[in-house]
Amino acid sequence: MLKNCRLFGSGDGDYAKAEVAWYKGQMDEIDQLIDESKEKKKAEIEGVLSDIETLKADPTAEFQGEYSTSIQQLSAKEGLGKTFGQPRRLT
């Protein structure tokens, strides 16, 4: 776009040098935002692909972790098991 902006100094132009410089600055900002967005999306895609690979290897890994945590919490709440249970008294 900027290459097609003819300057007043050429005799038949429609733009001043300062105006073209301002447009260039605006376009540079837009280019920077686009590059940042591309990098962010690239990182998100890599994260999703990594998650997919993990789930391919062991789709139950997340479930097993949550299950184990739930069992520990239940045992602590109810006072059950070797860790949280009360020792038996012999009568």
N, C-alpha and C. Protein backbone atom coordinates (compact mmCIF):
# COMPACT_ATOMS: atom_id res chain seq x y z
N MET A 1 0.82 -1.18 0.00
CA MET A 1 0.00 0.00 0.00
C MET A 1 0.87 1.25 0.00
N LEU A 2 1.88 1.26 0.87
CA LEU A 2 2.71 2.45 0.98
C LEU A 2 3.53 2.71 -0.28
N LYS A 3 3.86 1.67 -1.00
CA LYS A 3 4.62 1.85 -2.23
C LYS A 3 3.80 2.57 -3.29
N ASN A 4 2.49 2.45 -3.21
CA ASN A 4 1.61 3.09 -4.17
C ASN A 4 1.22 4.51 -3.79
N CYS A 5 1.65 4.99 -2.63
CA CYS A 5 1.33 6.35 -2.19
C CYS A 5 2.30 7.32 -2.87
N ARG A 6 1.78 8.13 -3.75
CA ARG A 6 2.62 9.11 -4.45
C ARG A 6 2.71 10.38 -3.59
N LEU A 7 3.92 10.89 -3.47
CA LEU A 7 4.15 12.08 -2.64
C LEU A 7 3.86 13.35 -3.42
N PHE A 8 3.55 14.41 -2.66
CA PHE A 8 3.30 15.72 -3.27
C PHE A 8 4.49 16.19 -4.10
N GLY A 9 5.68 15.88 -3.66
CA GLY A 9 6.89 16.33 -4.33
C GLY A 9 7.04 15.81 -5.75
N SER A 10 6.34 14.74 -6.09
CA SER A 10 6.45 14.19 -7.44
C SER A 10 5.57 14.94 -8.44
N GLY A 11 4.78 15.88 -7.95
CA GLY A 11 3.95 16.68 -8.84
C GLY A 11 2.52 16.18 -8.97
N ASP A 12 2.34 14.88 -8.94
CA ASP A 12 0.98 14.35 -9.08
C ASP A 12 0.58 13.51 -7.86
N GLY A 13 1.27 13.72 -6.73
CA GLY A 13 1.03 12.92 -5.53
C GLY A 13 -0.15 13.39 -4.70
N ASP A 14 -0.56 12.52 -3.81
CA ASP A 14 -1.69 12.79 -2.94
C ASP A 14 -1.30 12.75 -1.45
N TYR A 15 -0.03 12.46 -1.14
CA TYR A 15 0.38 12.27 0.25
C TYR A 15 1.63 13.08 0.57
N ALA A 16 1.73 13.52 1.83
CA ALA A 16 2.93 14.18 2.32
C ALA A 16 3.84 13.12 2.93
N LYS A 17 5.15 13.42 3.03
CA LYS A 17 6.10 12.47 3.61
C LYS A 17 5.70 12.10 5.03
N ALA A 18 5.29 13.09 5.83
CA ALA A 18 4.90 12.84 7.22
C ALA A 18 3.69 11.91 7.29
N GLU A 19 2.77 12.08 6.37
CA GLU A 19 1.57 11.25 6.34
C GLU A 19 1.94 9.80 6.03
N VAL A 20 2.82 9.61 5.06
CA VAL A 20 3.26 8.26 4.70
C VAL A 20 4.01 7.63 5.87
N ALA A 21 4.85 8.44 6.56
CA ALA A 21 5.58 7.93 7.72
C ALA A 21 4.62 7.50 8.82
N TRP A 22 3.54 8.28 9.04
CA TRP A 22 2.55 7.94 10.06
C TRP A 22 1.87 6.62 9.69
N TYR A 23 1.48 6.47 8.42
CA TYR A 23 0.86 5.22 7.97
C TYR A 23 1.81 4.03 8.16
N LYS A 24 3.09 4.27 7.86
CA LYS A 24 4.07 3.20 8.04
C LYS A 24 4.15 2.78 9.50
N GLY A 25 4.15 3.77 10.40
CA GLY A 25 4.17 3.46 11.83
C GLY A 25 2.95 2.64 12.25
N GLN A 26 1.78 3.03 11.73
CA GLN A 26 0.55 2.29 12.05
C GLN A 26 0.62 0.86 11.53
N MET A 27 1.14 0.71 10.34
CA MET A 27 1.24 -0.63 9.75
C MET A 27 2.28 -1.48 10.49
N ASP A 28 3.35 -0.84 10.96
CA ASP A 28 4.35 -1.57 11.75
C ASP A 28 3.74 -2.10 13.05
N GLU A 29 2.89 -1.28 13.68
CA GLU A 29 2.21 -1.73 14.90
C GLU A 29 1.29 -2.91 14.62
N ILE A 30 0.58 -2.82 13.51
CA ILE A 30 -0.32 -3.92 13.13
C ILE A 30 0.49 -5.18 12.85
N ASP A 31 1.61 -5.03 12.13
CA ASP A 31 2.48 -6.18 11.86
C ASP A 31 2.98 -6.81 13.15
N GLN A 32 3.34 -5.98 14.12
CA GLN A 32 3.82 -6.49 15.40
C GLN A 32 2.71 -7.26 16.13
N LEU A 33 1.49 -6.72 16.13
CA LEU A 33 0.37 -7.43 16.76
C LEU A 33 0.10 -8.77 16.08
N ILE A 34 0.21 -8.78 14.77
CA ILE A 34 0.00 -10.03 14.03
C ILE A 34 1.07 -11.04 14.39
N ASP A 35 2.33 -10.60 14.45
CA ASP A 35 3.42 -11.51 14.80
C ASP A 35 3.24 -12.06 16.21
N GLU A 36 2.84 -11.21 17.16
CA GLU A 36 2.61 -11.67 18.53
C GLU A 36 1.47 -12.68 18.58
N SER A 37 0.42 -12.41 17.82
CA SER A 37 -0.72 -13.33 17.78
C SER A 37 -0.31 -14.67 17.18
N LYS A 38 0.52 -14.63 16.14
CA LYS A 38 0.99 -15.87 15.52
C LYS A 38 1.80 -16.69 16.51
N GLU A 39 2.68 -16.03 17.27
CA GLU A 39 3.50 -16.74 18.25
C GLU A 39 2.63 -17.34 19.36
N LYS A 40 1.64 -16.59 19.80
CA LYS A 40 0.74 -17.07 20.85
C LYS A 40 -0.03 -18.29 20.36
N LYS A 41 -0.56 -18.21 19.15
CA LYS A 41 -1.31 -19.34 18.59
C LYS A 41 -0.40 -20.55 18.38
N LYS A 42 0.83 -20.29 17.97
CA LYS A 42 1.78 -21.39 17.77
C LYS A 42 2.03 -22.11 19.09
N ALA A 43 2.19 -21.34 20.18
CA ALA A 43 2.42 -21.94 21.50
C ALA A 43 1.18 -22.72 21.95
N GLU A 44 -0.01 -22.19 21.69
CA GLU A 44 -1.25 -22.90 22.05
C GLU A 44 -1.37 -24.21 21.28
N ILE A 45 -1.03 -24.18 20.00
CA ILE A 45 -1.10 -25.39 19.18
C ILE A 45 -0.12 -26.43 19.69
N GLU A 46 1.09 -25.99 20.02
CA GLU A 46 2.09 -26.93 20.55
C GLU A 46 1.61 -27.56 21.85
N GLY A 47 0.95 -26.77 22.70
CA GLY A 47 0.41 -27.29 23.95
C GLY A 47 -0.66 -28.33 23.71
N VAL A 48 -1.55 -28.06 22.78
CA VAL A 48 -2.62 -29.01 22.45
C VAL A 48 -2.01 -30.29 21.87
N LEU A 49 -1.05 -30.15 20.98
CA LEU A 49 -0.42 -31.35 20.40
C LEU A 49 0.29 -32.16 21.47
N SER A 50 0.91 -31.48 22.43
CA SER A 50 1.57 -32.17 23.53
C SER A 50 0.55 -32.92 24.37
N ASP A 51 -0.59 -32.28 24.65
CA ASP A 51 -1.66 -32.94 25.42
C ASP A 51 -2.18 -34.15 24.67
N ILE A 52 -2.31 -34.03 23.37
CA ILE A 52 -2.80 -35.15 22.56
C ILE A 52 -1.83 -36.32 22.66
N GLU A 53 -0.54 -36.03 22.56
CA GLU A 53 0.46 -37.10 22.64
C GLU A 53 0.42 -37.77 24.01
N THR A 54 0.24 -36.99 25.06
CA THR A 54 0.14 -37.55 26.40
C THR A 54 -1.07 -38.45 26.53
N LEU A 55 -2.20 -38.00 26.01
CA LEU A 55 -3.41 -38.81 26.08
C LEU A 55 -3.32 -40.06 25.22
N LYS A 56 -2.59 -39.97 24.12
CA LYS A 56 -2.39 -41.15 23.29
C LYS A 56 -1.61 -42.21 24.06
N ALA A 57 -0.58 -41.76 24.80
CA ALA A 57 0.27 -42.68 25.54
C ALA A 57 -0.53 -43.34 26.68
N ASP A 58 -1.27 -42.55 27.45
CA ASP A 58 -2.03 -43.10 28.57
C ASP A 58 -3.27 -42.24 28.80
N PRO A 59 -4.39 -42.61 28.18
CA PRO A 59 -5.59 -41.78 28.30
C PRO A 59 -6.18 -41.77 29.71
N THR A 60 -5.76 -42.69 30.57
CA THR A 60 -6.31 -42.74 31.91
C THR A 60 -5.43 -42.06 32.95
N ALA A 61 -4.32 -41.48 32.54
CA ALA A 61 -3.38 -40.89 33.50
C ALA A 61 -4.05 -39.78 34.31
N GLU A 62 -4.76 -38.90 33.67
CA GLU A 62 -5.42 -37.80 34.39
C GLU A 62 -6.48 -38.37 35.33
N PHE A 63 -7.24 -39.35 34.86
CA PHE A 63 -8.26 -39.96 35.69
C PHE A 63 -7.64 -40.61 36.92
N GLN A 64 -6.55 -41.35 36.74
CA GLN A 64 -5.91 -42.03 37.86
C GLN A 64 -5.41 -41.04 38.91
N GLY A 65 -4.86 -39.91 38.44
CA GLY A 65 -4.40 -38.88 39.38
C GLY A 65 -5.55 -38.31 40.18
N GLU A 66 -6.65 -37.99 39.53
CA GLU A 66 -7.83 -37.45 40.21
C GLU A 66 -8.43 -38.50 41.15
N TYR A 67 -8.45 -39.75 40.72
CA TYR A 67 -8.98 -40.83 41.53
C TYR A 67 -8.17 -40.98 42.81
N SER A 68 -6.86 -40.99 42.69
CA SER A 68 -5.98 -41.12 43.84
C SER A 68 -6.18 -39.97 44.83
N THR A 69 -6.28 -38.75 44.31
CA THR A 69 -6.52 -37.58 45.16
C THR A 69 -7.86 -37.71 45.88
N SER A 70 -8.88 -38.15 45.19
CA SER A 70 -10.20 -38.30 45.79
C SER A 70 -10.19 -39.35 46.89
N ILE A 71 -9.50 -40.46 46.67
CA ILE A 71 -9.41 -41.52 47.68
C ILE A 71 -8.70 -40.99 48.93
N GLN A 72 -7.62 -40.22 48.73
CA GLN A 72 -6.89 -39.64 49.87
C GLN A 72 -7.79 -38.69 50.65
N GLN A 73 -8.53 -37.85 49.95
CA GLN A 73 -9.42 -36.90 50.63
C GLN A 73 -10.53 -37.62 51.38
N LEU A 74 -11.10 -38.64 50.79
CA LEU A 74 -12.15 -39.41 51.44
C LEU A 74 -11.61 -40.13 52.67
N SER A 75 -10.42 -40.71 52.55
CA SER A 75 -9.80 -41.41 53.68
C SER A 75 -9.55 -40.45 54.83
N ALA A 76 -9.07 -39.25 54.52
CA ALA A 76 -8.81 -38.26 55.57
C ALA A 76 -10.12 -37.82 56.21
N LYS A 77 -11.15 -37.62 55.43
CA LYS A 77 -12.43 -37.15 55.95
C LYS A 77 -13.08 -38.21 56.85
N GLU A 78 -13.03 -39.44 56.42
CA GLU A 78 -13.71 -40.52 57.14
C GLU A 78 -12.80 -41.21 58.16
N GLY A 79 -11.52 -40.87 58.20
CA GLY A 79 -10.60 -41.51 59.14
C GLY A 79 -10.38 -42.97 58.81
N LEU A 80 -10.18 -43.26 57.54
CA LEU A 80 -10.02 -44.64 57.09
C LEU A 80 -8.60 -44.92 56.62
N GLY A 81 -8.27 -46.17 56.51
CA GLY A 81 -7.00 -46.57 55.94
C GLY A 81 -5.86 -46.57 56.93
N LYS A 82 -4.67 -46.96 56.46
CA LYS A 82 -3.50 -47.05 57.32
C LYS A 82 -3.01 -45.68 57.78
N THR A 83 -3.12 -44.69 56.92
CA THR A 83 -2.61 -43.36 57.25
C THR A 83 -3.54 -42.61 58.17
N PHE A 84 -4.83 -42.62 57.88
CA PHE A 84 -5.78 -41.79 58.61
C PHE A 84 -6.63 -42.56 59.62
N GLY A 85 -6.60 -43.88 59.55
CA GLY A 85 -7.46 -44.67 60.42
C GLY A 85 -6.97 -44.69 61.87
N GLN A 86 -7.88 -44.96 62.78
CA GLN A 86 -7.57 -45.07 64.19
C GLN A 86 -7.09 -46.49 64.48
N PRO A 87 -6.09 -46.63 65.33
CA PRO A 87 -5.65 -47.98 65.64
C PRO A 87 -6.75 -48.75 66.41
N ARG A 88 -6.81 -50.01 66.17
CA ARG A 88 -7.82 -50.83 66.85
C ARG A 88 -7.38 -51.09 68.28
N ARG A 89 -8.35 -51.02 69.15
CA ARG A 89 -8.06 -51.32 70.57
C ARG A 89 -8.48 -52.75 70.85
N LEU A 90 -7.64 -53.41 71.54
CA LEU A 90 -7.96 -54.77 71.92
C LEU A 90 -8.76 -54.73 73.23
N THR A 91 -9.87 -55.39 73.26
CA THR A 91 -10.68 -55.38 74.47
C THR A 91 -10.68 -56.69 75.17
